[in-house]
Amino acid sequence: MYKVTAYFKDMKIMKKFSDLYDAIDYKDNAEAHYPNKLTFEKVFSMRETIYNCWNGVMNHNVNPLRHIPDLQVRHMVLQVLAWMWCIVFSMYMGSLYVMGATMIGHALILAAIVVTVATFETAKRNPTFFTKPVDNVINSRAFGGEHE
């Protein structure tokens, strides 16, 4: 979302656009009328803000952990951070009984995310990985078509 505001001597005109080029066109048109001040700004919706905040913490390709080359090390660092926040939140709330459950919950959620991302990356980079014969067996059937 883009917002263009033109300030004239006795009025202010503001218009919002979802398309960048429409906003630029309107800004150029408003400049032709010689406003005292003209502002052009990108306005983030609440949805975009929440999405960007989530990615800034949880997306390993966006947050500072992206500089760690090994995916498993990234996962472990994120896991330790999650446990730290479980401990801090449990201590803040005064309930050490909840700490173990939240640590296990975070470990399970993050492990499921890592397995999913690793599976997707393997499928993208090496799609034949899932169809390779293992000991002359494809999909648990022998080459003759029968189960072993």
C-alpha atoms as a PDB file:
ATOM      1  CA  MET A   1       0.000   0.000   0.000  1.00  0.00           C
ATOM      2  CA  TYR A   2       1.315   3.435  -0.931  1.00  0.00           C
ATOM      3  CA  LYS A   3       0.140   6.782   0.400  1.00  0.00           C
ATOM      4  CA  VAL A   4       0.570  10.098  -1.388  1.00  0.00           C
ATOM      5  CA  THR A   5      -0.182  13.283   0.558  1.00  0.00           C
ATOM      6  CA  ALA A   6      -0.127  16.772  -0.928  1.00  0.00           C
ATOM      7  CA  TYR A   7      -0.238  19.770   1.426  1.00  0.00           C
ATOM      8  CA  PHE A   8      -1.569  22.985  -0.054  1.00  0.00           C
ATOM      9  CA  LYS A   9      -2.055  26.378   1.557  1.00  0.00           C
ATOM     10  CA  ASP A  10      -5.607  25.696   2.752  1.00  0.00           C
ATOM     11  CA  MET A  11      -6.085  21.919   2.352  1.00  0.00           C
ATOM     12  CA  LYS A  12      -4.487  18.521   2.487  1.00  0.00           C
ATOM     13  CA  ILE A  13      -5.168  15.816  -0.110  1.00  0.00           C
ATOM     14  CA  MET A  14      -4.297  12.221   0.692  1.00  0.00           C
ATOM     15  CA  LYS A  15      -4.839   9.152  -1.452  1.00  0.00           C
ATOM     16  CA  LYS A  16      -3.853   5.494  -0.993  1.00  0.00           C
ATOM     17  CA  PHE A  17      -2.869   3.100  -3.768  1.00  0.00           C
ATOM     18  CA  SER A  18      -2.183  -0.601  -3.900  1.00  0.00           C
ATOM     19  CA  ASP A  19      -0.178  -0.285  -7.123  1.00  0.00           C
ATOM     20  CA  LEU A  20       3.197   1.492  -7.096  1.00  0.00           C
ATOM     21  CA  TYR A  21       2.863   2.895 -10.599  1.00  0.00           C
ATOM     22  CA  ASP A  22      -0.571   4.382  -9.905  1.00  0.00           C
ATOM     23  CA  ALA A  23       0.877   6.071  -6.814  1.00  0.00           C
ATOM     24  CA  ILE A  24       3.820   7.463  -8.806  1.00  0.00           C
ATOM     25  CA  ASP A  25       1.469   8.733 -11.495  1.00  0.00           C
ATOM     26  CA  TYR A  26      -0.721  10.456  -8.892  1.00  0.00           C
ATOM     27  CA  LYS A  27       2.364  11.961  -7.209  1.00  0.00           C
ATOM     28  CA  ASP A  28       3.542  13.398 -10.520  1.00  0.00           C
ATOM     29  CA  ASN A  29       0.081  14.804 -11.176  1.00  0.00           C
ATOM     30  CA  ALA A  30      -0.077  16.352  -7.689  1.00  0.00           C
ATOM     31  CA  GLU A  31       3.387  17.918  -8.155  1.00  0.00           C
ATOM     32  CA  ALA A  32       2.083  19.694 -11.243  1.00  0.00           C
ATOM     33  CA  HIS A  33      -0.207  21.732  -8.951  1.00  0.00           C
ATOM     34  CA  TYR A  34       2.758  23.006  -6.871  1.00  0.00           C
ATOM     35  CA  PRO A  35       1.894  21.845  -3.353  1.00  0.00           C
ATOM     36  CA  ASN A  36       3.724  23.302  -0.338  1.00  0.00           C
ATOM     37  CA  LYS A  37       4.769  19.809   0.644  1.00  0.00           C
ATOM     38  CA  LEU A  38       4.362  16.385  -0.941  1.00  0.00           C
ATOM     39  CA  THR A  39       4.956  13.042   0.772  1.00  0.00           C
ATOM     40  CA  PHE A  40       5.182   9.609  -0.807  1.00  0.00           C
ATOM     41  CA  GLU A  41       5.379   6.673   1.576  1.00  0.00           C
ATOM     42  CA  LYS A  42       5.009   2.936   1.698  1.00  0.00           C
ATOM     43  CA  VAL A  43       2.383   1.951   4.246  1.00  0.00           C
ATOM     44  CA  PHE A  44       2.479  -1.562   5.639  1.00  0.00           C
ATOM     45  CA  SER A  45      -0.814  -3.199   6.466  1.00  0.00           C
ATOM     46  CA  MET A  46      -1.170  -5.022   9.775  1.00  0.00           C
ATOM     47  CA  ARG A  47      -1.025  -8.325   7.905  1.00  0.00           C
ATOM     48  CA  GLU A  48       2.285  -7.395   6.232  1.00  0.00           C
ATOM     49  CA  THR A  49       3.694  -6.204   9.562  1.00  0.00           C
ATOM     50  CA  ILE A  50       2.821  -9.460  11.321  1.00  0.00           C
ATOM     51  CA  TYR A  51       4.179 -11.480   8.388  1.00  0.00           C
ATOM     52  CA  ASN A  52       7.461  -9.524   8.374  1.00  0.00           C
ATOM     53  CA  CYS A  53       7.844  -9.838  12.167  1.00  0.00           C
ATOM     54  CA  TRP A  54       7.219 -13.594  12.012  1.00  0.00           C
ATOM     55  CA  ASN A  55       9.770 -14.029   9.210  1.00  0.00           C
ATOM     56  CA  GLY A  56      12.300 -11.879  11.030  1.00  0.00           C
ATOM     57  CA  VAL A  57      12.329 -14.377  13.901  1.00  0.00           C
ATOM     58  CA  MET A  58      11.159 -17.740  12.568  1.00  0.00           C
ATOM     59  CA  ASN A  59      12.348 -17.902   8.941  1.00  0.00           C
ATOM     60  CA  HIS A  60      15.904 -19.213   8.922  1.00  0.00           C
ATOM     61  CA  ASN A  61      16.469 -17.696   5.463  1.00  0.00           C
ATOM     62  CA  VAL A  62      15.599 -14.188   6.724  1.00  0.00           C
ATOM     63  CA  ASN A  63      16.793 -13.951  10.331  1.00  0.00           C
ATOM     64  CA  PRO A  64      20.491 -13.599  11.258  1.00  0.00           C
ATOM     65  CA  LEU A  65      20.815 -17.389  11.618  1.00  0.00           C
ATOM     66  CA  ARG A  66      20.912 -17.536   7.795  1.00  0.00           C
ATOM     67  CA  HIS A  67      24.662 -16.961   8.055  1.00  0.00           C
ATOM     68  CA  ILE A  68      25.129 -20.400   9.681  1.00  0.00           C
ATOM     69  CA  PRO A  69      25.716 -22.741   6.719  1.00  0.00           C
ATOM     70  CA  ASP A  70      24.633 -26.013   8.399  1.00  0.00           C
ATOM     71  CA  LEU A  71      20.842 -26.464   8.649  1.00  0.00           C
ATOM     72  CA  GLN A  72      21.112 -28.761  11.691  1.00  0.00           C
ATOM     73  CA  VAL A  73      23.204 -26.218  13.595  1.00  0.00           C
ATOM     74  CA  ARG A  74      20.658 -23.521  12.727  1.00  0.00           C
ATOM     75  CA  HIS A  75      17.915 -25.765  14.068  1.00  0.00           C
ATOM     76  CA  MET A  76      19.802 -26.393  17.310  1.00  0.00           C
ATOM     77  CA  VAL A  77      20.475 -22.696  17.856  1.00  0.00           C
ATOM     78  CA  LEU A  78      16.791 -21.923  17.247  1.00  0.00           C
ATOM     79  CA  GLN A  79      15.841 -24.758  19.613  1.00  0.00           C
ATOM     80  CA  VAL A  80      18.089 -23.381  22.374  1.00  0.00           C
ATOM     81  CA  LEU A  81      16.561 -19.930  21.880  1.00  0.00           C
ATOM     82  CA  ALA A  82      13.071 -21.430  22.112  1.00  0.00           C
ATOM     83  CA  TRP A  83      13.982 -23.210  25.357  1.00  0.00           C
ATOM     84  CA  MET A  84      15.439 -20.006  26.735  1.00  0.00           C
ATOM     85  CA  TRP A  85      12.185 -18.186  26.022  1.00  0.00           C
ATOM     86  CA  CYS A  86      10.192 -21.033  27.603  1.00  0.00           C
ATOM     87  CA  ILE A  87      12.286 -20.710  30.765  1.00  0.00           C
ATOM     88  CA  VAL A  88      12.047 -16.918  30.840  1.00  0.00           C
ATOM     89  CA  PHE A  89       8.295 -16.925  30.251  1.00  0.00           C
ATOM     90  CA  SER A  90       7.692 -19.656  32.843  1.00  0.00           C
ATOM     91  CA  MET A  91       9.772 -17.811  35.429  1.00  0.00           C
ATOM     92  CA  TYR A  92       8.012 -14.551  34.628  1.00  0.00           C
ATOM     93  CA  MET A  93       4.610 -16.172  35.016  1.00  0.00           C
ATOM     94  CA  GLY A  94       5.753 -17.893  38.207  1.00  0.00           C
ATOM     95  CA  SER A  95       4.937 -21.409  37.041  1.00  0.00           C
ATOM     96  CA  LEU A  96       7.899 -23.736  36.765  1.00  0.00           C
ATOM     97  CA  TYR A  97       5.487 -26.660  36.255  1.00  0.00           C
ATOM     98  CA  VAL A  98       4.607 -25.390  32.791  1.00  0.00           C
ATOM     99  CA  MET A  99       8.238 -25.029  31.736  1.00  0.00           C
ATOM    100  CA  GLY A 100       8.788 -28.703  30.863  1.00  0.00           C
ATOM    101  CA  ALA A 101       5.623 -28.919  28.797  1.00  0.00           C
ATOM    102  CA  THR A 102       6.428 -25.759  26.864  1.00  0.00           C
ATOM    103  CA  MET A 103       9.996 -26.942  26.196  1.00  0.00           C
ATOM    104  CA  ILE A 104       8.758 -30.275  24.854  1.00  0.00           C
ATOM    105  CA  GLY A 105       6.094 -28.500  22.797  1.00  0.00           C
ATOM    106  CA  HIS A 106       8.631 -26.137  21.265  1.00  0.00           C
ATOM    107  CA  ALA A 107      11.007 -29.018  20.522  1.00  0.00           C
ATOM    108  CA  LEU A 108       8.266 -30.976  18.751  1.00  0.00           C
ATOM    109  CA  ILE A 109       7.033 -28.004  16.699  1.00  0.00           C
ATOM    110  CA  LEU A 110      10.518 -26.925  15.634  1.00  0.00           C
ATOM    111  CA  ALA A 111      11.537 -30.508  14.833  1.00  0.00           C
ATOM    112  CA  ALA A 112       8.437 -30.936  12.653  1.00  0.00           C
ATOM    113  CA  ILE A 113       9.236 -27.684  10.839  1.00  0.00           C
ATOM    114  CA  VAL A 114      12.851 -28.767  10.244  1.00  0.00           C
ATOM    115  CA  VAL A 115      11.812 -32.189   8.917  1.00  0.00           C
ATOM    116  CA  THR A 116       9.288 -30.540   6.587  1.00  0.00           C
ATOM    117  CA  VAL A 117      11.793 -27.978   5.295  1.00  0.00           C
ATOM    118  CA  ALA A 118      14.459 -30.655   4.823  1.00  0.00           C
ATOM    119  CA  THR A 119      11.988 -32.841   2.906  1.00  0.00           C
ATOM    120  CA  PHE A 120      10.952 -29.942   0.674  1.00  0.00           C
ATOM    121  CA  GLU A 121      14.585 -28.995   0.021  1.00  0.00           C
ATOM    122  CA  THR A 122      15.466 -32.609  -0.815  1.00  0.00           C
ATOM    123  CA  ALA A 123      12.495 -32.831  -3.187  1.00  0.00           C
ATOM    124  CA  LYS A 124      13.538 -29.582  -4.863  1.00  0.00           C
ATOM    125  CA  ARG A 125      17.257 -30.306  -5.171  1.00  0.00           C
ATOM    126  CA  ASN A 126      17.203 -34.064  -5.739  1.00  0.00           C
ATOM    127  CA  PRO A 127      13.724 -35.280  -6.791  1.00  0.00           C
ATOM    128  CA  THR A 128      14.964 -38.802  -7.610  1.00  0.00           C
ATOM    129  CA  PHE A 129      15.949 -39.332  -3.957  1.00  0.00           C
ATOM    130  CA  PHE A 130      12.456 -40.601  -3.141  1.00  0.00           C
ATOM    131  CA  THR A 131      12.350 -43.065  -6.068  1.00  0.00           C
ATOM    132  CA  LYS A 132      15.867 -44.561  -5.875  1.00  0.00           C
ATOM    133  CA  PRO A 133      15.972 -48.346  -5.582  1.00  0.00           C
ATOM    134  CA  VAL A 134      17.247 -49.515  -2.214  1.00  0.00           C
ATOM    135  CA  ASP A 135      18.794 -53.020  -2.411  1.00  0.00           C
ATOM    136  CA  ASN A 136      17.005 -53.649  -5.735  1.00  0.00           C
ATOM    137  CA  VAL A 137      13.635 -52.738  -4.194  1.00  0.00           C
ATOM    138  CA  ILE A 138      11.376 -49.900  -5.353  1.00  0.00           C
ATOM    139  CA  ASN A 139       8.424 -48.953  -3.145  1.00  0.00           C
ATOM    140  CA  SER A 140       8.842 -52.161  -1.072  1.00  0.00           C
ATOM    141  CA  ARG A 141       8.319 -54.381  -4.116  1.00  0.00           C
ATOM    142  CA  ALA A 142      10.986 -56.471  -5.781  1.00  0.00           C
ATOM    143  CA  PHE A 143      11.745 -55.977  -9.463  1.00  0.00           C
ATOM    144  CA  GLY A 144       9.446 -58.953 -10.225  1.00  0.00           C
ATOM    145  CA  GLY A 145       6.545 -56.988  -8.690  1.00  0.00           C
ATOM    146  CA  GLU A 146       6.064 -59.133  -5.564  1.00  0.00           C
ATOM    147  CA  HIS A 147       6.790 -58.278  -1.939  1.00  0.00           C
ATOM    148  CA  GLU A 148       9.984 -59.649  -0.511  1.00  0.00           C
END
